[in-house]
Amino acid sequence: MKTDINTIRNLAHLARLEFNETKEQEMLSDLNKILNWMEQLNELNTDNVEPLIHMSEEVNVMREDFAKNTVTHEEALRNAPKKDSDYFRVPKVME
């Protein structure tokens, strides 16, 4: 599959990117290399291959998550630019 310069310009417009002519040619070349590589992958027989759920057999090694109060209600309100008794005052967002 080959792409052309108009495809690059359309993608750049959608992504809100601007390229000069040199960069457009580089992007065109890179995109064609990626698409050619994907075509090679499509030639592989994957009929008996299970889809991957995870990239490795590693188990979650993060710490356990415990809810705890680190700042009291009063301490949090103390630094608020605007407050109203027990609540933060924020600008109205919706009408």
Protein backbone atom coordinates (compact mmCIF):
# COMPACT_ATOMS: atom_id res chain seq x y z
CA MET A 1 0.00 0.00 0.00
CA LYS A 2 1.40 3.38 -1.00
CA THR A 3 0.34 6.74 0.30
CA ASP A 4 0.75 10.05 -1.45
CA ILE A 5 1.57 13.59 -0.38
CA ASN A 6 -2.14 14.47 -0.17
CA THR A 7 -2.61 11.79 2.49
CA ILE A 8 0.25 13.32 4.51
CA ARG A 9 -1.26 16.78 4.16
CA ASN A 10 -4.67 15.50 5.24
CA LEU A 11 -3.20 13.70 8.27
CA ALA A 12 -1.20 16.81 9.18
CA HIS A 13 -4.35 18.92 8.97
CA LEU A 14 -6.31 16.49 11.17
CA ALA A 15 -3.46 16.41 13.71
CA ARG A 16 -3.04 20.20 13.52
CA LEU A 17 0.58 19.84 12.39
CA GLU A 18 2.49 21.94 9.89
CA PHE A 19 5.30 20.54 7.73
CA ASN A 20 7.50 22.19 5.16
CA GLU A 21 7.99 20.34 1.84
CA THR A 22 11.13 18.55 3.08
CA LYS A 23 9.38 17.28 6.21
CA GLU A 24 6.35 16.22 4.14
CA GLN A 25 8.61 14.03 2.02
CA GLU A 26 10.26 12.55 5.14
CA MET A 27 6.86 11.82 6.66
CA LEU A 28 5.67 10.25 3.41
CA SER A 29 8.72 8.01 3.32
CA ASP A 30 8.33 7.02 6.98
CA LEU A 31 4.62 6.31 6.62
CA ASN A 32 5.22 4.12 3.56
CA LYS A 33 7.91 2.17 5.46
CA ILE A 34 5.46 1.57 8.33
CA LEU A 35 2.69 0.46 5.98
CA ASN A 36 5.06 -1.89 4.12
CA TRP A 37 6.11 -3.44 7.41
CA MET A 38 2.44 -3.91 8.37
CA GLU A 39 1.82 -5.67 5.05
CA GLN A 40 4.64 -8.09 5.88
CA LEU A 41 2.96 -8.82 9.22
CA ASN A 42 -0.31 -9.54 7.43
CA GLU A 43 1.44 -12.38 5.58
CA LEU A 44 2.00 -14.30 8.84
CA ASN A 45 -0.30 -17.20 9.62
CA THR A 46 -1.90 -16.42 12.98
CA ASP A 47 -4.76 -18.92 12.87
CA ASN A 48 -3.64 -20.86 15.97
CA VAL A 49 -2.14 -17.97 17.90
CA GLU A 50 -3.93 -16.81 21.04
CA PRO A 51 -4.31 -13.04 21.40
CA LEU A 52 -2.06 -11.42 24.00
CA ILE A 53 -3.68 -10.17 27.15
CA HIS A 54 -0.41 -8.97 28.72
CA MET A 55 3.05 -8.48 27.27
CA SER A 56 4.70 -10.54 30.01
CA GLU A 57 3.91 -13.02 32.74
CA GLU A 58 4.76 -10.48 35.45
CA VAL A 59 2.31 -10.10 38.31
CA ASN A 60 1.37 -6.69 39.64
CA VAL A 61 4.38 -5.66 41.71
CA MET A 62 2.98 -2.37 42.95
CA ARG A 63 2.25 -1.67 46.57
CA GLU A 64 -1.20 -2.19 48.00
CA ASP A 65 -3.45 0.85 47.85
CA PHE A 66 -4.92 1.88 51.18
CA ALA A 67 -7.21 4.89 51.57
CA LYS A 68 -6.08 7.22 54.32
CA ASN A 69 -6.54 10.87 55.16
CA THR A 70 -3.26 12.73 54.91
CA VAL A 71 -4.73 16.24 55.04
CA THR A 72 -7.58 17.17 57.31
CA HIS A 73 -10.59 19.03 56.00
CA GLU A 74 -9.56 22.18 57.86
CA GLU A 75 -5.97 22.02 56.54
CA ALA A 76 -7.20 21.75 52.97
CA LEU A 77 -9.56 24.69 53.35
CA ARG A 78 -6.84 26.78 54.98
CA ASN A 79 -5.02 27.13 51.62
CA ALA A 80 -8.15 27.62 49.51
CA PRO A 81 -8.26 30.98 47.70
CA LYS A 82 -12.04 31.10 48.24
CA LYS A 83 -14.09 29.08 50.69
CA ASP A 84 -17.57 29.08 52.16
CA SER A 85 -17.71 27.50 55.63
CA ASP A 86 -16.93 23.82 54.85
CA TYR A 87 -16.64 24.02 51.04
CA PHE A 88 -14.29 25.23 48.32
CA ARG A 89 -15.76 28.04 46.20
CA VAL A 90 -15.05 27.66 42.50
CA PRO A 91 -16.21 29.59 39.42
CA LYS A 92 -19.51 28.46 37.92
CA VAL A 93 -18.90 26.06 35.04
CA MET A 94 -22.39 25.26 33.84
CA GLU A 95 -25.43 27.48 33.43
